[in-house]
Each structure stands twice: as C-alpha cells, then as structure tokens.
C-alpha cells in the first residue's frame, strides 16, 4: 500500500487556521448567518469535481446550530488540497457530515474544533475515518486507537458509565446504611 499524503499534523494545522466566518451560525438560525446549504453544495462540488450534479439531500430541519457550525468548519478542512477533486469521497461525506459529526458536535463547542489541539485532531481523524483514508505513517490499528483516544463521543460514554457506576455504589452504600440502622433500631427496641 503506497504512503498516504494525508498527514494528520498538517491537516490539523490547516484546520486550526480556519477563518472566524466559518464559526458563524447558519442562516437557518440567524438572519445574517452563513448559507449552510450553499456552502455544503459548493464544497461537495469542489471535492467531487462535478459542478453539474444535483444538490445534496440535506436533512436541514434536524440539524442544530452547533452541528451546522461544525459542518461549516469541516468545509474549511475539506478545502485542503488533499481533498479537492477526489470523487471517491462523494459517498462518504454524507456519513461524516450528518451522522458522525452530528454526534460529536453534541459534546464539542464549535470554537473548540479550531482552538483546541485535541478537538482539531479529532475532526481530522473523524473525517479521515469516514472517508476510509489511512493517515500518513499509520496502520489501521494505530489510526483507530488514536481516533478512539480523542473521541468526544467515547469520552462522554466512559464518563457516563463511570457516573452510573458511582451512583450504583452510592445506592448500595445508602441501602446498607439504612439496613444497618433498621437492624440497630430493632435490636434497641427489643432491649
């Protein structure tokens, strides 16, 4: 397998230079917001190099503002030369934009995608994963492990499981204390 040109550090650096305009809310939410649909369609056309194709089927009514802004930022990333004129990505972008990025944007504030090193790398790796692109110098196991270690969704699941385990322990301790108090009261009442 030939070496990939997709260098995670280079792509992350590029993403972190994203202009502030991409952090703007969608015109679905504010009057002077970005025209999200036009931005997505233009990005899609640049990537596929098909300027005559129909517009994307965008589930706009189900997209929240944080998700739209994450999509805006991702369009900046997708304008990196590595992605331009790459028709093989066409069928993979829908999953990235409307499934994976939607879930991740539930836990990441829009500005963190470009201001935080780990969140920027997470977006890069999530895009590469969805596009089935191996990062330069990594094998599939390394790439999967690095994405998993950065994943906001995974981190949230771990924290939720940890919180639930802590709650179960606290409930058991409370029940044991109540049982001990009842037994002590029964013993005291018999004396």
C-alpha atoms as a PDB file:
ATOM      1  CA  UNK A   1       0.000   0.000   0.000  1.00  0.00           C
ATOM      2  CA  UNK A   2       1.553   3.338  -1.031  1.00  0.00           C
ATOM      3  CA  UNK A   3       2.149   6.064   1.545  1.00  0.00           C
ATOM      4  CA  UNK A   4      -0.800   8.363   2.057  1.00  0.00           C
ATOM      5  CA  UNK A   5      -0.467  12.076   1.532  1.00  0.00           C
ATOM      6  CA  UNK A   6      -2.858  12.697   4.429  1.00  0.00           C
ATOM      7  CA  UNK A   7      -0.615  13.975   7.227  1.00  0.00           C
ATOM      8  CA  UNK A   8      -2.630  14.468  10.426  1.00  0.00           C
ATOM      9  CA  UNK A   9      -0.347  17.207  11.764  1.00  0.00           C
ATOM     10  CA  UNK A  10      -0.535  19.172   8.502  1.00  0.00           C
ATOM     11  CA  UNK A  11      -4.324  18.818   8.293  1.00  0.00           C
ATOM     12  CA  UNK A  12      -4.771  19.774  11.949  1.00  0.00           C
ATOM     13  CA  UNK A  13      -2.591  22.852  11.453  1.00  0.00           C
ATOM     14  CA  UNK A  14      -4.645  23.781   8.393  1.00  0.00           C
ATOM     15  CA  UNK A  15      -7.915  23.300  10.307  1.00  0.00           C
ATOM     16  CA  UNK A  16      -6.716  25.483  13.182  1.00  0.00           C
ATOM     17  CA  UNK A  17      -6.260  28.353  10.693  1.00  0.00           C
ATOM     18  CA  UNK A  18      -9.978  28.266   9.900  1.00  0.00           C
ATOM     19  CA  UNK A  19     -11.302  31.830   9.481  1.00  0.00           C
ATOM     20  CA  UNK A  20     -13.810  33.028  12.078  1.00  0.00           C
ATOM     21  CA  UNK A  21     -16.527  33.389   9.432  1.00  0.00           C
ATOM     22  CA  UNK A  22     -16.904  29.589   9.474  1.00  0.00           C
ATOM     23  CA  UNK A  23     -17.904  29.795  13.147  1.00  0.00           C
ATOM     24  CA  UNK A  24     -20.933  31.882  12.194  1.00  0.00           C
ATOM     25  CA  UNK A  25     -24.366  30.413  12.817  1.00  0.00           C
ATOM     26  CA  UNK A  26     -26.361  29.051   9.930  1.00  0.00           C
ATOM     27  CA  UNK A  27     -28.874  31.257   8.153  1.00  0.00           C
ATOM     28  CA  UNK A  28     -31.443  28.781   9.482  1.00  0.00           C
ATOM     29  CA  UNK A  29     -30.914  30.380  12.918  1.00  0.00           C
ATOM     30  CA  UNK A  30     -29.827  33.981  12.356  1.00  0.00           C
ATOM     31  CA  UNK A  31     -30.727  36.398   9.595  1.00  0.00           C
ATOM     32  CA  UNK A  32     -27.155  37.257   8.609  1.00  0.00           C
ATOM     33  CA  UNK A  33     -25.777  33.721   9.107  1.00  0.00           C
ATOM     34  CA  UNK A  34     -23.890  31.606   6.615  1.00  0.00           C
ATOM     35  CA  UNK A  35     -25.873  29.994   3.848  1.00  0.00           C
ATOM     36  CA  UNK A  36     -25.111  26.486   5.032  1.00  0.00           C
ATOM     37  CA  UNK A  37     -26.751  24.651   2.153  1.00  0.00           C
ATOM     38  CA  UNK A  38     -24.833  26.649  -0.458  1.00  0.00           C
ATOM     39  CA  UNK A  39     -21.570  26.136   1.457  1.00  0.00           C
ATOM     40  CA  UNK A  40     -22.132  22.375   1.623  1.00  0.00           C
ATOM     41  CA  UNK A  41     -23.113  22.088  -2.020  1.00  0.00           C
ATOM     42  CA  UNK A  42     -20.129  24.181  -3.144  1.00  0.00           C
ATOM     43  CA  UNK A  43     -17.732  22.119  -1.009  1.00  0.00           C
ATOM     44  CA  UNK A  44     -19.242  18.895  -2.316  1.00  0.00           C
ATOM     45  CA  UNK A  45     -18.822  20.071  -5.902  1.00  0.00           C
ATOM     46  CA  UNK A  46     -15.181  21.069  -5.361  1.00  0.00           C
ATOM     47  CA  UNK A  47     -14.386  17.674  -3.842  1.00  0.00           C
ATOM     48  CA  UNK A  48     -16.190  15.625  -6.493  1.00  0.00           C
ATOM     49  CA  UNK A  49     -15.245  17.953  -9.357  1.00  0.00           C
ATOM     50  CA  UNK A  50     -18.825  17.580 -10.595  1.00  0.00           C
ATOM     51  CA  UNK A  51     -20.312  21.030 -10.999  1.00  0.00           C
ATOM     52  CA  UNK A  52     -23.425  19.803 -12.805  1.00  0.00           C
ATOM     53  CA  UNK A  53     -24.725  17.339 -10.248  1.00  0.00           C
ATOM     54  CA  UNK A  54     -27.914  17.879  -8.293  1.00  0.00           C
ATOM     55  CA  UNK A  55     -27.771  19.402  -4.856  1.00  0.00           C
ATOM     56  CA  UNK A  56     -27.178  17.208  -1.832  1.00  0.00           C
ATOM     57  CA  UNK A  57     -30.104  15.848   0.123  1.00  0.00           C
ATOM     58  CA  UNK A  58     -29.558  17.764   3.356  1.00  0.00           C
ATOM     59  CA  UNK A  59     -31.728  16.972   6.409  1.00  0.00           C
ATOM     60  CA  UNK A  60     -31.644  20.674   7.400  1.00  0.00           C
ATOM     61  CA  UNK A  61     -34.661  20.554   9.721  1.00  0.00           C
ATOM     62  CA  UNK A  62     -32.875  18.110  12.048  1.00  0.00           C
ATOM     63  CA  UNK A  63     -29.602  19.999  12.352  1.00  0.00           C
ATOM     64  CA  UNK A  64     -28.912  22.142  15.409  1.00  0.00           C
ATOM     65  CA  UNK A  65     -26.764  25.274  15.390  1.00  0.00           C
ATOM     66  CA  UNK A  66     -23.662  23.647  16.938  1.00  0.00           C
ATOM     67  CA  UNK A  67     -23.834  20.904  14.348  1.00  0.00           C
ATOM     68  CA  UNK A  68     -24.183  23.418  11.489  1.00  0.00           C
ATOM     69  CA  UNK A  69     -21.161  25.329  12.749  1.00  0.00           C
ATOM     70  CA  UNK A  70     -19.138  22.104  12.964  1.00  0.00           C
ATOM     71  CA  UNK A  71     -20.157  21.398   9.370  1.00  0.00           C
ATOM     72  CA  UNK A  72     -19.064  24.912   8.364  1.00  0.00           C
ATOM     73  CA  UNK A  73     -15.655  24.327   9.947  1.00  0.00           C
ATOM     74  CA  UNK A  74     -15.362  20.943   8.245  1.00  0.00           C
ATOM     75  CA  UNK A  75     -15.928  22.573   4.857  1.00  0.00           C
ATOM     76  CA  UNK A  76     -12.819  24.657   5.508  1.00  0.00           C
ATOM     77  CA  UNK A  77     -10.895  21.449   6.237  1.00  0.00           C
ATOM     78  CA  UNK A  78     -12.269  19.816   3.100  1.00  0.00           C
ATOM     79  CA  UNK A  79     -10.870  22.671   1.022  1.00  0.00           C
ATOM     80  CA  UNK A  80      -7.363  21.478   1.860  1.00  0.00           C
ATOM     81  CA  UNK A  81      -5.622  20.385  -1.383  1.00  0.00           C
ATOM     82  CA  UNK A  82      -5.589  16.738  -0.234  1.00  0.00           C
ATOM     83  CA  UNK A  83      -9.391  16.569  -0.547  1.00  0.00           C
ATOM     84  CA  UNK A  84     -10.044  18.681  -3.651  1.00  0.00           C
ATOM     85  CA  UNK A  85     -11.027  16.805  -6.811  1.00  0.00           C
ATOM     86  CA  UNK A  86     -11.381  13.473  -5.041  1.00  0.00           C
ATOM     87  CA  UNK A  87     -14.642  11.926  -6.336  1.00  0.00           C
ATOM     88  CA  UNK A  88     -14.055   8.758  -4.282  1.00  0.00           C
ATOM     89  CA  UNK A  89     -15.122  10.744  -1.201  1.00  0.00           C
ATOM     90  CA  UNK A  90     -18.579  11.600  -2.553  1.00  0.00           C
ATOM     91  CA  UNK A  91     -20.494   8.770  -0.891  1.00  0.00           C
ATOM     92  CA  UNK A  92     -18.577   9.081   2.364  1.00  0.00           C
ATOM     93  CA  UNK A  93     -19.204  12.748   3.142  1.00  0.00           C
ATOM     94  CA  UNK A  94     -22.886  12.318   3.993  1.00  0.00           C
ATOM     95  CA  UNK A  95     -22.000   9.930   6.834  1.00  0.00           C
ATOM     96  CA  UNK A  96     -19.304  12.308   8.075  1.00  0.00           C
ATOM     97  CA  UNK A  97     -21.462  15.448   7.999  1.00  0.00           C
ATOM     98  CA  UNK A  98     -24.825  14.135   9.112  1.00  0.00           C
ATOM     99  CA  UNK A  99     -24.063  11.184  11.373  1.00  0.00           C
ATOM    100  CA  UNK A 100     -20.574  11.206  12.881  1.00  0.00           C
ATOM    101  CA  UNK A 101     -20.133  14.988  13.097  1.00  0.00           C
ATOM    102  CA  UNK A 102     -23.647  15.388  14.464  1.00  0.00           C
ATOM    103  CA  UNK A 103     -22.906  13.030  17.342  1.00  0.00           C
ATOM    104  CA  UNK A 104     -19.516  14.608  18.079  1.00  0.00           C
ATOM    105  CA  UNK A 105     -20.872  18.161  17.924  1.00  0.00           C
ATOM    106  CA  UNK A 106     -23.216  17.295  20.789  1.00  0.00           C
ATOM    107  CA  UNK A 107     -20.161  17.316  23.074  1.00  0.00           C
ATOM    108  CA  UNK A 108     -17.858  19.859  21.410  1.00  0.00           C
ATOM    109  CA  UNK A 109     -18.450  23.608  21.230  1.00  0.00           C
ATOM    110  CA  UNK A 110     -17.903  24.946  17.706  1.00  0.00           C
ATOM    111  CA  UNK A 111     -14.890  27.115  18.563  1.00  0.00           C
ATOM    112  CA  UNK A 112     -13.154  24.137  20.228  1.00  0.00           C
ATOM    113  CA  UNK A 113     -12.827  22.436  16.830  1.00  0.00           C
ATOM    114  CA  UNK A 114     -10.226  25.051  15.928  1.00  0.00           C
ATOM    115  CA  UNK A 115      -8.988  26.387  19.275  1.00  0.00           C
ATOM    116  CA  UNK A 116      -8.249  23.053  20.976  1.00  0.00           C
ATOM    117  CA  UNK A 117      -5.484  20.827  19.583  1.00  0.00           C
ATOM    118  CA  UNK A 118      -7.209  17.571  20.519  1.00  0.00           C
ATOM    119  CA  UNK A 119     -10.603  18.572  19.127  1.00  0.00           C
ATOM    120  CA  UNK A 120      -8.993  19.746  15.868  1.00  0.00           C
ATOM    121  CA  UNK A 121      -7.165  16.444  15.564  1.00  0.00           C
ATOM    122  CA  UNK A 122     -10.405  14.625  16.405  1.00  0.00           C
ATOM    123  CA  UNK A 123     -12.198  16.309  13.488  1.00  0.00           C
ATOM    124  CA  UNK A 124      -9.323  15.495  11.126  1.00  0.00           C
ATOM    125  CA  UNK A 125      -9.215  11.860  12.222  1.00  0.00           C
ATOM    126  CA  UNK A 126     -13.006  11.540  12.140  1.00  0.00           C
ATOM    127  CA  UNK A 127     -13.047  12.842   8.564  1.00  0.00           C
ATOM    128  CA  UNK A 128     -10.238  10.501   7.512  1.00  0.00           C
ATOM    129  CA  UNK A 129     -12.004   7.570   9.209  1.00  0.00           C
ATOM    130  CA  UNK A 130     -15.333   8.314   7.499  1.00  0.00           C
ATOM    131  CA  UNK A 131     -13.581   8.701   4.141  1.00  0.00           C
ATOM    132  CA  UNK A 132     -11.701   5.436   4.694  1.00  0.00           C
ATOM    133  CA  UNK A 133      -8.371   7.234   4.359  1.00  0.00           C
ATOM    134  CA  UNK A 134      -5.346   5.985   6.275  1.00  0.00           C
ATOM    135  CA  UNK A 135      -3.344   8.809   7.864  1.00  0.00           C
ATOM    136  CA  UNK A 136       0.213   9.067   6.613  1.00  0.00           C
ATOM    137  CA  UNK A 137       2.599   6.796   8.530  1.00  0.00           C
ATOM    138  CA  UNK A 138      -0.111   4.904  10.445  1.00  0.00           C
ATOM    139  CA  UNK A 139      -1.564   1.437  10.146  1.00  0.00           C
ATOM    140  CA  UNK A 140      -5.293   0.743  10.663  1.00  0.00           C
ATOM    141  CA  UNK A 141      -4.873  -0.246  14.332  1.00  0.00           C
ATOM    142  CA  UNK A 142      -2.859   2.873  15.161  1.00  0.00           C
ATOM    143  CA  UNK A 143      -5.333   5.133  13.370  1.00  0.00           C
ATOM    144  CA  UNK A 144      -8.327   3.539  15.124  1.00  0.00           C
ATOM    145  CA  UNK A 145      -6.611   3.728  18.514  1.00  0.00           C
ATOM    146  CA  UNK A 146      -5.709   7.394  18.094  1.00  0.00           C
ATOM    147  CA  UNK A 147      -9.237   8.307  16.998  1.00  0.00           C
ATOM    148  CA  UNK A 148     -10.714   6.374  19.903  1.00  0.00           C
ATOM    149  CA  UNK A 149      -8.433   8.131  22.396  1.00  0.00           C
ATOM    150  CA  UNK A 150      -9.521  11.552  21.073  1.00  0.00           C
ATOM    151  CA  UNK A 151     -13.204  10.822  20.536  1.00  0.00           C
ATOM    152  CA  UNK A 152     -15.518  13.156  22.428  1.00  0.00           C
ATOM    153  CA  UNK A 153     -18.311  10.623  21.990  1.00  0.00           C
ATOM    154  CA  UNK A 154     -16.203   7.825  23.523  1.00  0.00           C
ATOM    155  CA  UNK A 155     -15.080  10.095  26.378  1.00  0.00           C
ATOM    156  CA  UNK A 156     -18.703  11.002  27.112  1.00  0.00           C
ATOM    157  CA  UNK A 157     -19.707   7.325  27.153  1.00  0.00           C
ATOM    158  CA  UNK A 158     -16.880   6.487  29.576  1.00  0.00           C
ATOM    159  CA  UNK A 159     -17.802   9.384  31.857  1.00  0.00           C
ATOM    160  CA  UNK A 160     -21.460   8.382  31.774  1.00  0.00           C
ATOM    161  CA  UNK A 161     -20.614   4.764  32.626  1.00  0.00           C
ATOM    162  CA  UNK A 162     -18.319   5.922  35.414  1.00  0.00           C
ATOM    163  CA  UNK A 163     -21.018   8.208  36.808  1.00  0.00           C
ATOM    164  CA  UNK A 164     -23.601   5.406  36.654  1.00  0.00           C
ATOM    165  CA  UNK A 165     -21.214   3.002  38.414  1.00  0.00           C
ATOM    166  CA  UNK A 166     -20.576   5.617  41.095  1.00  0.00           C
ATOM    167  CA  UNK A 167     -24.333   6.113  41.538  1.00  0.00           C
ATOM    168  CA  UNK A 168     -24.846   2.334  41.914  1.00  0.00           C
ATOM    169  CA  UNK A 169     -22.106   2.173  44.564  1.00  0.00           C
ATOM    170  CA  UNK A 170     -23.608   5.118  46.434  1.00  0.00           C
ATOM    171  CA  UNK A 171     -27.087   3.500  46.310  1.00  0.00           C
ATOM    172  CA  UNK A 172     -25.700   0.221  47.662  1.00  0.00           C
ATOM    173  CA  UNK A 173     -23.890   2.063  50.478  1.00  0.00           C
ATOM    174  CA  UNK A 174     -27.061   4.023  51.315  1.00  0.00           C
ATOM    175  CA  UNK A 175     -29.155   0.815  51.347  1.00  0.00           C
ATOM    176  CA  UNK A 176     -26.589  -0.914  53.561  1.00  0.00           C
ATOM    177  CA  UNK A 177     -26.560   2.049  55.961  1.00  0.00           C
ATOM    178  CA  UNK A 178     -30.369   2.046  56.073  1.00  0.00           C
ATOM    179  CA  UNK A 179     -30.437  -1.711  56.693  1.00  0.00           C
ATOM    180  CA  UNK A 180     -27.841  -1.352  59.449  1.00  0.00           C
ATOM    181  CA  UNK A 181     -29.872   1.463  61.034  1.00  0.00           C
ATOM    182  CA  UNK A 182     -33.067  -0.642  60.905  1.00  0.00           C
ATOM    183  CA  UNK A 183     -31.271  -3.615  62.482  1.00  0.00           C
ATOM    184  CA  UNK A 184     -29.842  -1.375  65.185  1.00  0.00           C
ATOM    185  CA  UNK A 185     -33.312   0.074  65.835  1.00  0.00           C
ATOM    186  CA  UNK A 186     -34.825  -3.440  66.050  1.00  0.00           C
ATOM    187  CA  UNK A 187     -32.097  -4.536  68.441  1.00  0.00           C
ATOM    188  CA  UNK A 188     -32.584  -1.411  70.568  1.00  0.00           C
ATOM    189  CA  UNK A 189     -36.348  -1.885  70.563  1.00  0.00           C
ATOM    190  CA  UNK A 190     -36.048  -5.448  71.911  1.00  0.00           C
ATOM    191  CA  UNK A 191     -33.868  -4.451  74.827  1.00  0.00           C
END
